[in-house]
Amino acid sequence: MKTEKCPSCEGTLRIPHPPKFSPEDKYEKYRRELKRMSEKKG
């Protein structure tokens, strides 16, 4: 799906499973910051 909203209920889409683990994760820092920011909002 290339949309950001559900076609049936118009809700936001979320990935149902976490990304595969990699010891050489280049984006770990950014994911942690996003998670920290979303926890502060909610």
Protein backbone atom coordinates (compact mmCIF):
# COMPACT_ATOMS: atom_id res chain seq x y z
CA MET A 1 0.00 0.00 0.00
CA LYS A 2 1.34 3.37 -0.90
CA THR A 3 -1.26 5.41 0.95
CA GLU A 4 -1.08 6.72 4.51
CA LYS A 5 -4.76 6.09 5.27
CA CYS A 6 -6.86 2.95 5.35
CA PRO A 7 -9.12 2.83 2.27
CA SER A 8 -12.09 1.48 4.27
CA CYS A 9 -12.02 3.40 7.58
CA GLU A 10 -9.72 6.37 6.74
CA GLY A 11 -7.54 5.61 9.81
CA THR A 12 -3.75 5.91 9.76
CA LEU A 13 -1.82 2.83 8.66
CA ARG A 14 0.70 1.10 10.91
CA ILE A 15 3.16 -1.68 10.16
CA PRO A 16 1.90 -4.75 12.09
CA HIS A 17 5.35 -6.19 12.80
CA PRO A 18 8.78 -4.81 13.76
CA PRO A 19 11.61 -4.61 11.21
CA LYS A 20 14.07 -7.50 11.02
CA PHE A 21 16.90 -7.31 13.54
CA SER A 22 20.34 -6.38 12.25
CA PRO A 23 23.42 -5.79 14.42
CA GLU A 24 24.51 -3.20 11.85
CA ASP A 25 21.29 -1.17 12.10
CA LYS A 26 21.88 2.24 10.49
CA TYR A 27 18.53 3.72 11.54
CA GLU A 28 18.31 2.59 15.18
CA LYS A 29 19.01 6.10 16.46
CA TYR A 30 16.16 7.59 14.42
CA ARG A 31 13.66 4.86 15.37
CA ARG A 32 14.39 5.36 19.06
CA GLU A 33 13.94 9.12 18.75
CA LEU A 34 10.60 8.66 16.93
CA LYS A 35 9.41 6.25 19.60
CA ARG A 36 10.48 8.66 22.36
CA MET A 37 8.65 11.52 20.64
CA SER A 38 5.45 9.49 20.16
CA GLU A 39 5.45 8.45 23.84
CA LYS A 40 5.68 12.10 24.93
CA LYS A 41 2.71 13.06 22.72
CA GLY A 42 0.39 10.26 23.85
